[in-house]
Amino acid sequence: MKRSFIILAITALGMTFCTSPHKEKTEVKQDKTYMVICFDVEDYTSPDSVGMDDIPKWEAEIMTGEGVTGTFFVIGEKARMLEKRGRTDVIQAMAKHDIGSHTNYGSIHPTVTEILEKAGWDDGIATMLKNETAGFDDLERIFGRRPANLARHGGSYGPQLVAALSEMNAGYVYSPVSLPGHNAVWFCNTLNFHGEGDFGFFDDAYWNDSLFNPMLGALDTLIPKNIAGADVVAFFANHPSKVRSIQFWDFNYYKGANPGPSEWKTPELRPSETMKTAQKNFRRLIRYMKGRDDIELTTYREMKKLYGNQKIGISAEKLGAVADRILAENAVVTDEYYSPAEIFTALAEALSTYGKTGKLPENLTVRRPFGPLTMPAENPGITTAGKNEVLTLASSALDSVLNTNHLPATRELNGHAIGTGSLMALFCKMYQEIRNGTVPARLDIVSFPAYPTENAEQILKEVAACKSWPVHREDLDMTGLIEMTKLQLWTLKPALISE
């Protein structure tokens, strides 16, 4: 199904962050919650004569006139259609706001998910880089500024797309990935913004006062509820085309259909005269949002700047504290500042350094590998390892990370495959024993989860739901993308506001 989001308001209340890994944390306070008003500009099939292109124009002009800036996520094909039609008026009005990508081709088959359905990691990233960089290039040429973010279009998702965005220096919006209390997260080494509030759907209400008035009134209760304790919240204003159309424009592409321009059908439309009411009510909404004293309206471009920094180093003290948590909780934990993949690599590097120098490093530069390419074994089939064997395993794991930029799924010891989780637990135990000066002759190797499980159930549920987007083929197989998402949960951590 199409997804409407009230996109994430980013609050800094009570959040702490420090730019140096070796300084005490300092509190970053914000009096208001940041909120992004968003739009998904999509319809490239309806004829110019029905006036669908005029809607994002007057929405942008109303916002500009009211002194409010939002983020318009535009499908590359829609931007090229506006250019082809000579709608410089629409382009110029929208260009006064933040322009993001809503994927290059939108609902044209194969969609992003269909392309990645059977793709591997490297070839999937390569295809996404080619397709979406081309879309960014066109949006930059047409609107005069390169997008800072790409927003998911319907059920179009794949971790390879998210990883490709890290190479494009872009964030990912409407992500299915989040952590409790954190809608702004790092996943696949890319800044992700999750979030949809229960503000309702304004798409079908602007044209009719009796529909719009109750929804506007409900915001008095819904906004405080949705921003409480949230780090980022989004306010999805509408799909501009849906303000006029009763159907979604891309019903043309449902169930895998892929019609050419001569076969496009125009969706059922509301009377053109209702657009005057729609403009009036949209202005009312913007004035209402601007008038609230608990939110500060901003853009996703600004949010990417605010949340886009990460720690570049990790201290021995911090690494030891995370190792303690892992051993105490008997799980692959998600730290406040470092992903499990970053912790695994730091442990491996620290032990490798100890094996060479006899000393643990006081500080390490953070390395950011991706998760394993295959599912790690949870049961290692071997129960103990000697001190030198552990150091050899750590050195081998580090070499694998440095050579592949992925965590190893397994390392072998005496003919037994030890999975990533069991390796992490073993490295934690060895690291702590060295710090305590009590390294035994042999250390236990324990069964451990194959990937981090915090919020995994909810994340994987949202990923699986991409199959039900009506544009997709009914036989779309999400198995591979779900499995790959599990593996990349090793890269998941909160994104925090930097000073």
Protein backbone atom coordinates (compact mmCIF):
# COMPACT_ATOMS: atom_id res chain seq x y z
CA MET A 1 0.00 0.00 0.00
CA LYS A 2 1.02 3.60 -0.36
CA ARG A 3 2.42 4.94 2.81
CA SER A 4 1.74 8.40 4.17
CA PHE A 5 4.07 9.65 6.84
CA ILE A 6 3.91 12.56 9.19
CA ILE A 7 7.51 12.71 9.00
CA LEU A 8 9.63 12.67 11.78
CA ALA A 9 10.07 15.36 14.19
CA ILE A 10 13.48 15.31 15.60
CA THR A 11 13.66 16.07 19.27
CA ALA A 12 16.79 16.52 21.24
CA LEU A 13 15.17 16.62 24.65
CA GLY A 14 17.32 14.87 27.18
CA MET A 15 19.69 13.48 24.54
CA THR A 16 23.41 13.39 25.19
CA PHE A 17 26.26 13.27 22.73
CA CYS A 18 29.93 14.14 22.60
CA THR A 19 31.94 14.68 19.47
CA SER A 20 35.11 13.15 20.87
CA PRO A 21 35.11 9.53 22.08
CA HIS A 22 37.39 10.45 24.93
CA LYS A 23 35.44 13.37 26.44
CA GLU A 24 32.70 13.19 29.02
CA LYS A 25 29.23 13.30 27.51
CA THR A 26 27.67 16.72 27.30
CA GLU A 27 23.95 17.28 27.21
CA VAL A 28 22.37 18.70 24.08
CA LYS A 29 18.99 20.26 24.81
CA GLN A 30 16.35 21.51 22.43
CA ASP A 31 13.32 23.51 23.53
CA LYS A 32 11.21 22.34 20.61
CA THR A 33 10.81 19.17 18.61
CA TYR A 34 12.01 19.33 15.04
CA MET A 35 9.33 18.37 12.52
CA VAL A 36 9.64 17.92 8.79
CA ILE A 37 6.62 18.58 6.59
CA CYS A 38 6.97 16.15 3.66
CA PHE A 39 5.40 15.50 0.28
CA ASP A 40 5.76 12.62 -2.18
CA VAL A 41 5.59 14.07 -5.70
CA GLU A 42 4.95 11.11 -7.97
CA ASP A 43 2.33 11.22 -10.72
CA TYR A 44 4.00 11.19 -14.14
CA THR A 45 1.15 9.42 -15.94
CA SER A 46 -1.78 11.85 -15.74
CA PRO A 47 -2.02 14.24 -18.71
CA ASP A 48 -0.96 17.83 -18.27
CA SER A 49 -4.51 18.91 -19.05
CA VAL A 50 -5.96 17.69 -15.73
CA GLY A 51 -3.76 20.10 -13.73
CA MET A 52 -2.05 17.57 -11.48
CA ASP A 53 1.29 19.36 -11.88
CA ASP A 54 -0.21 22.56 -10.49
CA ILE A 55 -0.78 21.08 -7.02
CA PRO A 56 2.85 20.86 -5.83
CA LYS A 57 3.31 24.34 -7.30
CA TRP A 58 0.62 25.98 -5.21
CA GLU A 59 1.57 23.95 -2.16
CA ALA A 60 5.17 25.16 -2.46
CA GLU A 61 4.02 28.76 -3.04
CA ILE A 62 1.68 28.70 -0.05
CA MET A 63 4.45 27.39 2.19
CA THR A 64 6.91 29.97 0.88
CA GLY A 65 4.36 32.72 1.45
CA GLU A 66 3.81 31.54 5.02
CA GLY A 67 7.55 31.36 5.70
CA VAL A 68 7.63 27.58 6.09
CA THR A 69 10.06 25.24 4.35
CA GLY A 70 9.37 21.54 3.71
CA THR A 71 10.85 18.57 1.90
CA PHE A 72 9.43 17.47 -1.45
CA PHE A 73 10.46 13.94 -2.40
CA VAL A 74 10.26 13.75 -6.19
CA ILE A 75 10.43 10.65 -8.39
CA GLY A 76 13.11 11.13 -11.05
CA GLU A 77 10.63 10.27 -13.79
CA LYS A 78 8.25 12.95 -12.46
CA ALA A 79 11.00 15.57 -12.51
CA ARG A 80 11.90 14.65 -16.08
CA MET A 81 8.22 14.87 -17.04
CA LEU A 82 7.96 18.37 -15.56
CA GLU A 83 11.05 19.36 -17.52
CA LYS A 84 9.67 17.83 -20.72
CA ARG A 85 6.39 19.69 -20.29
CA GLY A 86 8.21 22.97 -19.78
CA ARG A 87 6.80 23.46 -16.29
CA THR A 88 9.56 25.75 -15.10
CA ASP A 89 6.96 27.50 -12.92
CA VAL A 90 6.39 24.30 -10.94
CA ILE A 91 10.09 23.56 -10.75
CA GLN A 92 10.99 27.06 -9.56
CA ALA A 93 8.28 27.05 -6.89
CA MET A 94 9.37 23.69 -5.50
CA ALA A 95 13.07 24.56 -5.71
CA LYS A 96 12.60 27.08 -2.91
CA HIS A 97 12.19 24.07 -0.63
CA ASP A 98 14.27 20.97 0.07
CA ILE A 99 14.14 18.49 -2.81
CA GLY A 100 14.81 14.82 -2.15
CA SER A 101 14.65 11.77 -4.37
CA HIS A 102 11.68 9.40 -4.25
CA THR A 103 13.64 6.84 -6.33
CA ASN A 104 14.53 7.32 -9.96
CA TYR A 105 11.78 5.31 -11.64
CA GLY A 106 9.08 5.02 -9.00
CA SER A 107 6.47 2.40 -9.85
CA ILE A 108 7.89 1.41 -13.25
CA HIS A 109 8.78 -2.27 -13.23
CA PRO A 110 11.10 -3.65 -12.13
CA THR A 111 10.84 -1.65 -8.92
CA VAL A 112 13.76 -1.34 -6.54
CA THR A 113 12.54 -4.38 -4.60
CA GLU A 114 12.02 -6.41 -7.75
CA ILE A 115 15.53 -5.57 -8.96
CA LEU A 116 17.00 -6.64 -5.62
CA GLU A 117 14.74 -9.67 -5.14
CA LYS A 118 17.38 -12.16 -6.35
CA ALA A 119 20.42 -9.86 -6.39
CA GLY A 120 23.56 -10.41 -4.39
CA TRP A 121 25.22 -7.79 -2.24
CA ASP A 122 27.79 -6.29 -4.60
CA ASP A 123 25.74 -6.47 -7.80
CA GLY A 124 22.70 -5.09 -5.98
CA ILE A 125 24.69 -2.10 -4.74
CA ALA A 126 26.19 -1.53 -8.18
CA THR A 127 22.73 -1.46 -9.80
CA MET A 128 21.33 0.87 -7.15
CA LEU A 129 24.30 3.20 -7.53
CA LYS A 130 23.80 3.35 -11.28
CA ASN A 131 20.03 3.88 -11.17
CA GLU A 132 19.77 6.24 -8.22
CA THR A 133 22.84 8.31 -9.02
CA ALA A 134 21.27 8.97 -12.41
CA GLY A 135 18.12 10.10 -10.64
CA PHE A 136 20.10 12.38 -8.31
CA ASP A 137 21.91 13.83 -11.32
CA ASP A 138 18.63 14.68 -13.03
CA LEU A 139 17.10 16.17 -9.89
CA GLU A 140 20.19 18.31 -9.39
CA ARG A 141 20.08 19.50 -13.01
CA ILE A 142 16.37 20.26 -12.91
CA PHE A 143 16.04 21.78 -9.42
CA GLY A 144 19.53 23.25 -9.08
CA ARG A 145 20.63 21.39 -5.96
CA ARG A 146 21.67 17.82 -5.30
CA PRO A 147 19.31 15.83 -3.05
CA ALA A 148 20.53 15.08 0.45
CA ASN A 149 18.15 12.15 0.98
CA LEU A 150 16.18 9.48 -0.83
CA ALA A 151 12.77 8.46 0.49
CA ARG A 152 11.29 5.01 0.06
CA HIS A 153 8.57 4.87 -2.58
CA GLY A 154 5.80 2.51 -1.48
CA GLY A 155 7.28 -0.95 -0.91
CA SER A 156 10.54 -0.26 -2.73
CA TYR A 157 13.28 -1.41 -0.37
CA GLY A 158 16.48 -3.40 -0.17
CA PRO A 159 19.51 -3.16 2.13
CA GLN A 160 21.69 -2.86 -0.97
CA LEU A 161 19.90 0.41 -1.79
CA VAL A 162 20.54 1.67 1.73
CA ALA A 163 24.21 0.73 1.46
CA ALA A 164 24.47 2.42 -1.95
CA LEU A 165 23.18 5.64 -0.40
CA SER A 166 26.18 5.67 1.96
CA GLU A 167 28.42 5.89 -1.12
CA MET A 168 26.19 8.66 -2.46
CA ASN A 169 26.46 10.61 0.80
CA ALA A 170 22.68 10.52 1.09
CA GLY A 171 20.26 9.59 3.86
CA TYR A 172 17.32 7.20 3.65
CA VAL A 173 13.85 8.38 4.68
CA TYR A 174 10.72 6.28 5.43
CA SER A 175 13.11 3.51 6.43
CA PRO A 176 11.63 0.33 7.90
CA VAL A 177 14.53 0.29 10.37
CA SER A 178 14.43 1.86 13.83
CA LEU A 179 15.30 1.25 17.48
CA PRO A 180 13.10 1.85 20.54
CA GLY A 181 13.19 5.59 21.18
CA HIS A 182 15.26 6.19 18.06
CA ASN A 183 13.66 6.84 14.68
CA ALA A 184 16.97 8.32 13.53
CA VAL A 185 19.43 5.42 13.22
CA TRP A 186 22.48 4.25 11.33
CA PHE A 187 21.89 1.14 9.22
CA CYS A 188 24.12 -0.15 6.42
CA ASN A 189 26.41 2.78 7.28
CA THR A 190 23.69 5.17 6.10
CA LEU A 191 21.67 7.65 8.14
CA ASN A 192 18.08 6.33 8.22
CA PHE A 193 14.93 8.17 9.27
CA HIS A 194 12.02 5.94 10.23
CA GLY A 195 8.65 7.00 11.41
CA GLU A 196 5.01 7.45 10.82
CA GLY A 197 2.77 8.99 13.38
CA ASP A 198 -0.93 8.36 13.85
CA PHE A 199 -1.88 11.78 12.54
CA GLY A 200 -4.21 10.37 9.92
CA PHE A 201 -4.17 10.79 6.19
CA PHE A 202 -4.79 14.28 4.86
CA ASP A 203 -4.61 13.26 1.19
CA ASP A 204 -8.35 12.81 0.79
CA ALA A 205 -9.52 15.60 3.09
CA TYR A 206 -8.33 18.97 1.76
CA TRP A 207 -11.08 19.30 -0.81
CA ASN A 208 -13.93 19.05 1.69
CA ASP A 209 -14.28 21.12 4.88
CA SER A 210 -16.38 18.50 6.63
CA LEU A 211 -13.55 15.99 6.17
CA PHE A 212 -10.69 18.37 6.81
CA ASN A 213 -11.90 20.20 9.93
CA PRO A 214 -12.00 17.15 12.26
CA MET A 215 -8.56 16.06 11.09
CA LEU A 216 -7.08 19.49 11.73
CA GLY A 217 -8.70 19.59 15.17
CA ALA A 218 -7.32 16.16 16.04
CA LEU A 219 -3.76 17.48 15.75
CA ASP A 220 -4.17 19.26 19.10
CA THR A 221 -4.04 15.83 20.72
CA LEU A 222 -2.06 13.83 18.21
CA ILE A 223 1.00 16.04 17.88
CA PRO A 224 1.84 16.11 21.63
CA LYS A 225 1.26 12.35 21.79
CA ASN A 226 3.52 11.63 18.85
CA ILE A 227 6.42 13.91 19.75
CA ALA A 228 6.61 12.76 23.37
CA GLY A 229 9.87 10.85 23.80
CA ALA A 230 10.53 10.77 20.05
CA ASP A 231 13.88 11.68 18.59
CA VAL A 232 12.54 12.37 15.09
CA VAL A 233 8.94 12.67 13.88
CA ALA A 234 7.66 13.32 10.36
CA PHE A 235 4.55 15.11 9.25
CA PHE A 236 3.42 13.78 5.90
CA ALA A 237 1.31 16.52 4.34
CA ASN A 238 0.17 14.64 1.23
CA HIS A 239 0.83 13.11 -2.13
CA PRO A 240 0.02 16.25 -4.17
CA SER A 241 -1.69 14.22 -6.90
CA LYS A 242 -3.96 12.56 -4.33
CA VAL A 243 -5.34 15.92 -3.31
CA ARG A 244 -7.19 15.85 -6.64
CA SER A 245 -7.40 12.16 -7.54
CA ILE A 246 -9.57 9.58 -5.83
CA GLN A 247 -7.30 6.73 -6.92
CA PHE A 248 -3.55 6.54 -6.66
CA TRP A 249 -2.05 7.40 -10.04
CA ASP A 250 0.03 4.22 -10.16
CA PHE A 251 -2.94 1.87 -10.27
CA ASN A 252 -1.66 1.62 -13.84
CA TYR A 253 1.24 -0.49 -12.47
CA TYR A 254 -0.61 -2.71 -10.00
CA LYS A 255 0.29 -6.40 -9.77
CA GLY A 256 3.30 -6.07 -12.01
CA ALA A 257 1.60 -4.34 -14.95
CA ASN A 258 4.01 -2.18 -16.92
CA PRO A 259 2.05 -0.07 -19.44
CA GLY A 260 3.65 2.37 -21.83
CA PRO A 261 2.52 6.01 -22.07
CA SER A 262 -0.13 5.20 -24.70
CA GLU A 263 -1.78 2.82 -22.23
CA TRP A 264 -1.81 5.08 -19.17
CA LYS A 265 -5.22 5.68 -17.65
CA THR A 266 -6.07 8.83 -15.72
CA PRO A 267 -7.31 8.19 -12.16
CA GLU A 268 -10.78 9.21 -11.15
CA LEU A 269 -10.68 12.89 -10.19
CA ARG A 270 -12.48 15.22 -7.82
CA PRO A 271 -14.15 18.26 -9.43
CA SER A 272 -11.62 20.92 -10.38
CA GLU A 273 -13.51 23.59 -8.42
CA THR A 274 -12.76 21.75 -5.16
CA MET A 275 -9.13 22.70 -5.53
CA LYS A 276 -9.94 26.19 -4.25
CA THR A 277 -11.14 24.62 -1.00
CA ALA A 278 -8.06 22.40 -0.99
CA GLN A 279 -5.76 25.42 -1.25
CA LYS A 280 -7.60 27.20 1.55
CA ASN A 281 -7.37 24.19 3.85
CA PHE A 282 -3.74 23.52 3.03
CA ARG A 283 -2.93 27.09 4.01
CA ARG A 284 -4.87 26.57 7.26
CA LEU A 285 -2.78 23.49 7.99
CA ILE A 286 0.51 25.27 7.37
CA ARG A 287 -0.49 28.22 9.55
CA TYR A 288 -1.56 25.81 12.27
CA MET A 289 1.77 23.97 12.16
CA LYS A 290 3.74 27.22 12.12
CA GLY A 291 1.76 28.50 15.10
CA ARG A 292 2.53 25.61 17.44
CA ASP A 293 5.08 26.39 20.13
CA ASP A 294 6.24 22.80 20.71
CA ILE A 295 7.65 22.09 17.24
CA GLU A 296 10.23 23.71 15.00
CA LEU A 297 9.60 23.08 11.32
CA THR A 298 12.65 22.11 9.33
CA THR A 299 13.75 19.88 6.43
CA TYR A 300 15.37 16.50 6.04
CA ARG A 301 18.41 18.17 4.55
CA GLU A 302 18.90 19.98 7.86
CA MET A 303 18.16 16.80 9.80
CA LYS A 304 20.85 14.96 7.88
CA LYS A 305 23.32 17.64 8.95
CA LEU A 306 22.14 17.48 12.55
CA TYR A 307 22.24 13.70 12.89
CA GLY A 308 24.96 12.96 10.37
CA ASN A 309 28.04 12.76 12.61
CA GLN A 310 29.51 9.63 14.19
CA LYS A 311 32.32 8.99 16.63
CA ILE A 312 35.62 8.35 14.93
CA GLY A 313 37.37 6.64 17.84
CA ILE A 314 36.68 4.23 20.67
CA SER A 315 38.55 4.02 23.97
CA ALA A 316 39.63 0.90 25.84
CA GLU A 317 37.34 1.92 28.69
CA LYS A 318 34.31 2.13 26.39
CA LEU A 319 35.17 -1.11 24.61
CA GLY A 320 35.47 -2.84 27.97
CA ALA A 321 32.09 -1.49 29.09
CA VAL A 322 30.37 -2.80 25.95
CA ALA A 323 32.14 -6.16 26.34
CA ASP A 324 30.76 -6.35 29.89
CA ARG A 325 27.24 -5.75 28.59
CA ILE A 326 27.55 -8.39 25.89
CA LEU A 327 28.71 -11.00 28.38
CA ALA A 328 26.17 -10.00 31.03
CA GLU A 329 23.21 -9.99 28.61
CA ASN A 330 24.46 -12.96 26.60
CA ALA A 331 23.42 -11.16 23.42
CA VAL A 332 24.72 -9.01 20.60
CA VAL A 333 23.85 -5.65 22.14
CA THR A 334 23.29 -2.33 20.41
CA ASP A 335 25.37 0.39 22.03
CA GLU A 336 24.44 4.06 22.21
CA TYR A 337 27.33 5.14 19.97
CA TYR A 338 28.72 2.05 18.24
CA SER A 339 27.13 -0.62 16.09
CA PRO A 340 27.76 -4.31 16.87
CA ALA A 341 29.85 -4.47 13.67
CA GLU A 342 32.03 -1.62 14.93
CA ILE A 343 32.41 -3.27 18.35
CA PHE A 344 33.26 -6.66 16.83
CA THR A 345 35.95 -5.09 14.67
CA ALA A 346 37.40 -3.04 17.53
CA LEU A 347 37.65 -6.15 19.70
CA ALA A 348 39.33 -8.11 16.91
CA GLU A 349 41.78 -5.28 16.28
CA ALA A 350 42.54 -4.82 19.97
CA LEU A 351 43.29 -8.53 20.43
CA SER A 352 45.31 -8.64 17.21
CA THR A 353 47.39 -5.72 18.47
CA TYR A 354 47.85 -7.47 21.82
CA GLY A 355 49.07 -10.60 20.04
CA LYS A 356 51.75 -8.56 18.27
CA THR A 357 52.80 -6.13 21.01
CA GLY A 358 51.69 -7.67 24.29
CA LYS A 359 49.57 -4.57 25.02
CA LEU A 360 45.98 -3.61 24.41
CA PRO A 361 45.60 -0.26 22.59
CA GLU A 362 44.16 2.60 24.64
CA ASN A 363 42.28 3.99 21.65
CA LEU A 364 41.25 2.70 18.26
CA THR A 365 39.92 4.34 15.12
CA VAL A 366 36.39 3.07 14.42
CA ARG A 367 36.04 0.85 11.37
CA ARG A 368 32.58 0.49 9.85
CA PRO A 369 32.21 -2.84 8.02
CA PHE A 370 28.92 -4.26 6.83
CA GLY A 371 27.37 -7.37 8.33
CA PRO A 372 28.25 -10.90 7.19
CA LEU A 373 27.25 -12.04 3.71
CA THR A 374 25.90 -15.40 4.93
CA MET A 375 24.06 -16.33 8.11
CA PRO A 376 26.50 -17.19 10.92
CA ALA A 377 26.16 -20.47 12.79
CA GLU A 378 24.84 -20.07 16.33
CA ASN A 379 26.23 -23.36 17.67
CA PRO A 380 30.03 -23.48 17.26
CA GLY A 381 30.39 -27.23 17.78
CA ILE A 382 33.53 -26.67 19.88
CA THR A 383 33.59 -25.68 23.53
CA THR A 384 37.00 -24.17 24.31
CA ALA A 385 39.95 -22.41 22.73
CA GLY A 386 43.44 -21.69 23.99
CA LYS A 387 44.78 -18.19 24.50
CA ASN A 388 46.91 -18.21 21.34
CA GLU A 389 44.07 -19.75 19.35
CA VAL A 390 41.79 -16.86 20.37
CA LEU A 391 44.41 -14.33 19.32
CA THR A 392 44.79 -16.12 15.98
CA LEU A 393 41.01 -16.08 15.49
CA ALA A 394 40.95 -12.34 16.24
CA SER A 395 43.74 -11.65 13.75
CA SER A 396 41.99 -13.76 11.11
CA ALA A 397 38.67 -11.97 11.73
CA LEU A 398 40.34 -8.56 11.42
CA ASP A 399 42.05 -9.58 8.17
CA SER A 400 38.69 -10.68 6.81
CA VAL A 401 37.13 -7.31 7.70
CA LEU A 402 40.00 -5.37 6.15
CA ASN A 403 39.91 -7.45 2.95
CA THR A 404 36.15 -7.61 2.41
CA ASN A 405 34.62 -4.73 4.45
CA HIS A 406 32.22 -7.31 5.91
CA LEU A 407 32.20 -9.16 9.20
CA PRO A 408 33.17 -12.81 8.70
CA ALA A 409 30.24 -15.21 9.03
CA THR A 410 32.57 -17.81 10.55
CA ARG A 411 36.16 -18.50 11.49
CA GLU A 412 37.38 -22.07 11.67
CA LEU A 413 39.12 -23.71 14.63
CA ASN A 414 40.15 -27.37 14.56
CA GLY A 415 37.64 -28.11 11.82
CA HIS A 416 34.74 -26.34 13.55
CA ALA A 417 33.03 -23.18 12.25
CA ILE A 418 32.58 -20.51 14.91
CA GLY A 419 29.89 -17.99 13.99
CA THR A 420 30.13 -14.21 14.28
CA GLY A 421 28.15 -13.99 17.52
CA SER A 422 30.16 -16.72 19.24
CA LEU A 423 33.37 -15.03 18.07
CA MET A 424 32.21 -11.73 19.53
CA ALA A 425 31.45 -13.35 22.90
CA LEU A 426 34.83 -15.09 22.86
CA PHE A 427 36.64 -11.85 22.00
CA CYS A 428 34.77 -10.05 24.80
CA LYS A 429 35.85 -12.66 27.35
CA MET A 430 39.46 -12.60 26.17
CA TYR A 431 39.56 -8.80 26.16
CA GLN A 432 38.27 -8.56 29.71
CA GLU A 433 40.58 -11.26 31.01
CA ILE A 434 43.58 -9.44 29.53
CA ARG A 435 42.46 -6.17 31.11
CA ASN A 436 42.07 -7.94 34.45
CA GLY A 437 45.41 -9.73 34.11
CA THR A 438 43.79 -13.14 34.61
CA VAL A 439 43.93 -14.88 31.22
CA PRO A 440 43.26 -18.61 31.71
CA ALA A 441 44.86 -21.34 29.62
CA ARG A 442 41.58 -21.96 27.81
CA LEU A 443 38.42 -19.93 27.29
CA ASP A 444 34.87 -21.15 26.76
CA ILE A 445 33.26 -20.85 23.33
CA VAL A 446 29.51 -20.40 23.69
CA SER A 447 26.51 -20.49 21.40
CA PHE A 448 25.40 -16.97 20.51
CA PRO A 449 22.74 -15.28 18.33
CA ALA A 450 23.62 -14.93 14.66
CA TYR A 451 22.59 -11.26 14.53
CA PRO A 452 21.41 -8.48 16.86
CA THR A 453 17.78 -8.96 17.84
CA GLU A 454 16.84 -5.61 19.36
CA ASN A 455 13.68 -4.47 17.54
CA ALA A 456 14.40 -7.09 14.87
CA GLU A 457 10.87 -8.48 14.94
CA GLN A 458 9.31 -5.11 14.15
CA ILE A 459 11.93 -4.26 11.51
CA LEU A 460 11.53 -7.57 9.69
CA LYS A 461 7.75 -7.27 9.85
CA GLU A 462 7.94 -3.93 8.06
CA VAL A 463 10.37 -5.31 5.48
CA ALA A 464 8.11 -8.30 4.80
CA ALA A 465 5.16 -5.92 4.32
CA CYS A 466 6.86 -4.48 1.22
CA LYS A 467 5.56 -7.52 -0.65
CA SER A 468 1.97 -6.34 -0.18
CA TRP A 469 2.49 -3.01 -1.99
CA PRO A 470 -0.11 -3.31 -4.76
CA VAL A 471 2.38 -2.29 -7.44
CA HIS A 472 4.42 -5.41 -6.83
CA ARG A 473 4.02 -8.73 -8.55
CA GLU A 474 1.94 -11.04 -6.42
CA ASP A 475 4.66 -13.71 -6.53
CA LEU A 476 7.41 -11.36 -5.28
CA ASP A 477 9.77 -13.32 -3.01
CA MET A 478 11.02 -11.28 -0.03
CA THR A 479 13.01 -14.17 1.51
CA GLY A 480 16.43 -13.00 0.34
CA LEU A 481 15.87 -9.35 1.31
CA ILE A 482 14.62 -10.34 4.76
CA GLU A 483 17.68 -12.55 5.27
CA MET A 484 20.01 -9.79 4.09
CA THR A 485 18.31 -7.30 6.41
CA LYS A 486 18.91 -9.63 9.35
CA LEU A 487 22.61 -9.78 8.49
CA GLN A 488 22.88 -6.00 8.24
CA LEU A 489 21.37 -5.53 11.70
CA TRP A 490 25.01 -5.81 12.77
CA THR A 491 25.35 -2.23 11.44
CA LEU A 492 22.41 -0.81 13.40
CA LYS A 493 22.85 1.87 16.07
CA PRO A 494 21.14 5.11 17.15
CA ALA A 495 21.90 8.37 15.37
CA LEU A 496 22.46 11.18 17.82
CA ILE A 497 22.55 14.95 17.65
CA SER A 498 26.07 16.30 17.74
CA GLU A 499 27.11 19.52 19.40
